[in-house]
Amino acid sequence: MIAVHQLRRRQDDHLGATARCAVSKPEQLRKHVLECLRLESDCMQLAARVSDNGLRTHFVRMAQHWSTLAALGSSADASHALVAGEMQTT
């Protein structure tokens, strides 16, 4: 059985998380796009550094994936379609 103080702590944690997550949708999308572009760049740098062709191909594909996600960043429907398409191919 959950004690009252544990329940209150959970409610406080939830309320605190809600307040911290109260970022505007455009700001969230901007951050998402920037993070995707950063990861794309990281993958391309890794691809340039590895000597194994299989790893190089993997990192280039990952960079392309992050680039696609960045391009789709502002379209929730397109992101959902991309994820659904990936689930069908795996």
C-alpha atoms as a PDB file:
ATOM      1  CA  MET A   1       0.000   0.000   0.000  1.00  0.00           C
ATOM      2  CA  ILE A   2       1.286   3.446  -0.915  1.00  0.00           C
ATOM      3  CA  ALA A   3       1.766   5.809   1.994  1.00  0.00           C
ATOM      4  CA  VAL A   4       0.229   9.267   1.776  1.00  0.00           C
ATOM      5  CA  HIS A   5       3.619  10.977   1.782  1.00  0.00           C
ATOM      6  CA  GLN A   6       4.718   8.803  -1.179  1.00  0.00           C
ATOM      7  CA  LEU A   7       1.568   9.711  -3.105  1.00  0.00           C
ATOM      8  CA  ARG A   8       2.095  13.400  -2.386  1.00  0.00           C
ATOM      9  CA  ARG A   9       5.732  13.119  -3.491  1.00  0.00           C
ATOM     10  CA  ARG A  10       4.604  11.514  -6.758  1.00  0.00           C
ATOM     11  CA  GLN A  11       2.078  14.291  -7.325  1.00  0.00           C
ATOM     12  CA  ASP A  12       4.719  16.931  -6.583  1.00  0.00           C
ATOM     13  CA  ASP A  13       7.152  15.215  -8.950  1.00  0.00           C
ATOM     14  CA  HIS A  14       4.505  15.126 -11.671  1.00  0.00           C
ATOM     15  CA  LEU A  15       3.560  18.764 -11.176  1.00  0.00           C
ATOM     16  CA  GLY A  16       7.210  19.780 -11.212  1.00  0.00           C
ATOM     17  CA  ALA A  17       7.818  17.835 -14.425  1.00  0.00           C
ATOM     18  CA  THR A  18       4.743  19.408 -15.994  1.00  0.00           C
ATOM     19  CA  ALA A  19       5.961  22.892 -15.132  1.00  0.00           C
ATOM     20  CA  ARG A  20       9.439  22.123 -16.483  1.00  0.00           C
ATOM     21  CA  CYS A  21       7.944  20.750 -19.718  1.00  0.00           C
ATOM     22  CA  ALA A  22       5.839  23.836 -20.320  1.00  0.00           C
ATOM     23  CA  VAL A  23       7.948  24.869 -23.300  1.00  0.00           C
ATOM     24  CA  SER A  24       6.262  26.243 -26.384  1.00  0.00           C
ATOM     25  CA  LYS A  25       5.696  23.883 -29.290  1.00  0.00           C
ATOM     26  CA  PRO A  26       7.825  25.972 -31.695  1.00  0.00           C
ATOM     27  CA  GLU A  27      10.682  25.973 -29.185  1.00  0.00           C
ATOM     28  CA  GLN A  28      10.455  22.181 -28.797  1.00  0.00           C
ATOM     29  CA  LEU A  29      10.492  21.739 -32.563  1.00  0.00           C
ATOM     30  CA  ARG A  30      13.467  24.052 -32.950  1.00  0.00           C
ATOM     31  CA  LYS A  31      15.396  22.101 -30.322  1.00  0.00           C
ATOM     32  CA  HIS A  32      14.416  18.812 -31.969  1.00  0.00           C
ATOM     33  CA  VAL A  33      15.652  19.991 -35.374  1.00  0.00           C
ATOM     34  CA  LEU A  34      18.922  21.298 -33.923  1.00  0.00           C
ATOM     35  CA  GLU A  35      19.531  18.025 -32.060  1.00  0.00           C
ATOM     36  CA  CYS A  36      18.887  16.023 -35.243  1.00  0.00           C
ATOM     37  CA  LEU A  37      21.317  18.211 -37.182  1.00  0.00           C
ATOM     38  CA  ARG A  38      23.949  17.823 -34.463  1.00  0.00           C
ATOM     39  CA  LEU A  39      23.578  14.043 -34.565  1.00  0.00           C
ATOM     40  CA  GLU A  40      23.793  14.086 -38.365  1.00  0.00           C
ATOM     41  CA  SER A  41      27.063  15.990 -38.118  1.00  0.00           C
ATOM     42  CA  ASP A  42      28.414  13.603 -35.471  1.00  0.00           C
ATOM     43  CA  CYS A  43      27.619  10.595 -37.677  1.00  0.00           C
ATOM     44  CA  MET A  44      29.328  12.150 -40.697  1.00  0.00           C
ATOM     45  CA  GLN A  45      32.428  12.893 -38.600  1.00  0.00           C
ATOM     46  CA  LEU A  46      32.481   9.300 -37.380  1.00  0.00           C
ATOM     47  CA  ALA A  47      32.057   8.032 -40.950  1.00  0.00           C
ATOM     48  CA  ALA A  48      35.092  10.061 -41.993  1.00  0.00           C
ATOM     49  CA  ARG A  49      37.215   8.622 -39.166  1.00  0.00           C
ATOM     50  CA  VAL A  50      36.535   4.888 -39.413  1.00  0.00           C
ATOM     51  CA  SER A  51      38.466   2.637 -41.739  1.00  0.00           C
ATOM     52  CA  ASP A  52      35.903  -0.195 -41.804  1.00  0.00           C
ATOM     53  CA  ASN A  53      33.611   0.139 -44.843  1.00  0.00           C
ATOM     54  CA  GLY A  54      30.675  -1.453 -43.007  1.00  0.00           C
ATOM     55  CA  LEU A  55      30.885   1.056 -40.158  1.00  0.00           C
ATOM     56  CA  ARG A  56      31.335   3.925 -42.600  1.00  0.00           C
ATOM     57  CA  THR A  57      28.179   2.869 -44.449  1.00  0.00           C
ATOM     58  CA  HIS A  58      26.319   2.552 -41.149  1.00  0.00           C
ATOM     59  CA  PHE A  59      27.292   6.051 -40.004  1.00  0.00           C
ATOM     60  CA  VAL A  60      26.396   7.590 -43.386  1.00  0.00           C
ATOM     61  CA  ARG A  61      22.964   5.920 -43.226  1.00  0.00           C
ATOM     62  CA  MET A  62      22.473   7.184 -39.677  1.00  0.00           C
ATOM     63  CA  ALA A  63      23.440  10.694 -40.789  1.00  0.00           C
ATOM     64  CA  GLN A  64      20.852  10.504 -43.569  1.00  0.00           C
ATOM     65  CA  HIS A  65      18.255   9.324 -41.048  1.00  0.00           C
ATOM     66  CA  TRP A  66      18.968  12.253 -38.702  1.00  0.00           C
ATOM     67  CA  SER A  67      18.863  14.647 -41.644  1.00  0.00           C
ATOM     68  CA  THR A  68      15.446  13.301 -42.650  1.00  0.00           C
ATOM     69  CA  LEU A  69      14.147  13.684 -39.109  1.00  0.00           C
ATOM     70  CA  ALA A  70      15.416  17.261 -39.003  1.00  0.00           C
ATOM     71  CA  ALA A  71      13.637  18.032 -42.266  1.00  0.00           C
ATOM     72  CA  LEU A  72      10.424  16.533 -40.932  1.00  0.00           C
ATOM     73  CA  GLY A  73      10.837  18.270 -37.584  1.00  0.00           C
ATOM     74  CA  SER A  74       7.838  20.548 -37.747  1.00  0.00           C
ATOM     75  CA  SER A  75       5.430  17.981 -39.145  1.00  0.00           C
ATOM     76  CA  ALA A  76       4.133  15.606 -36.472  1.00  0.00           C
ATOM     77  CA  ASP A  77       2.084  13.717 -39.048  1.00  0.00           C
ATOM     78  CA  ALA A  78       5.123  13.164 -41.256  1.00  0.00           C
ATOM     79  CA  SER A  79       7.192  11.991 -38.278  1.00  0.00           C
ATOM     80  CA  HIS A  80       4.449   9.581 -37.328  1.00  0.00           C
ATOM     81  CA  ALA A  81       4.313   8.268 -40.914  1.00  0.00           C
ATOM     82  CA  LEU A  82       8.080   7.791 -40.947  1.00  0.00           C
ATOM     83  CA  VAL A  83       8.014   5.779 -37.727  1.00  0.00           C
ATOM     84  CA  ALA A  84       5.063   3.707 -38.957  1.00  0.00           C
ATOM     85  CA  GLY A  85       6.907   3.020 -42.218  1.00  0.00           C
ATOM     86  CA  GLU A  86      10.028   1.907 -40.361  1.00  0.00           C
ATOM     87  CA  MET A  87       7.984  -0.445 -38.188  1.00  0.00           C
ATOM     88  CA  GLN A  88       6.527  -2.091 -41.303  1.00  0.00           C
ATOM     89  CA  THR A  89       9.966  -2.678 -42.847  1.00  0.00           C
ATOM     90  CA  THR A  90      11.457  -4.304 -39.754  1.00  0.00           C
END
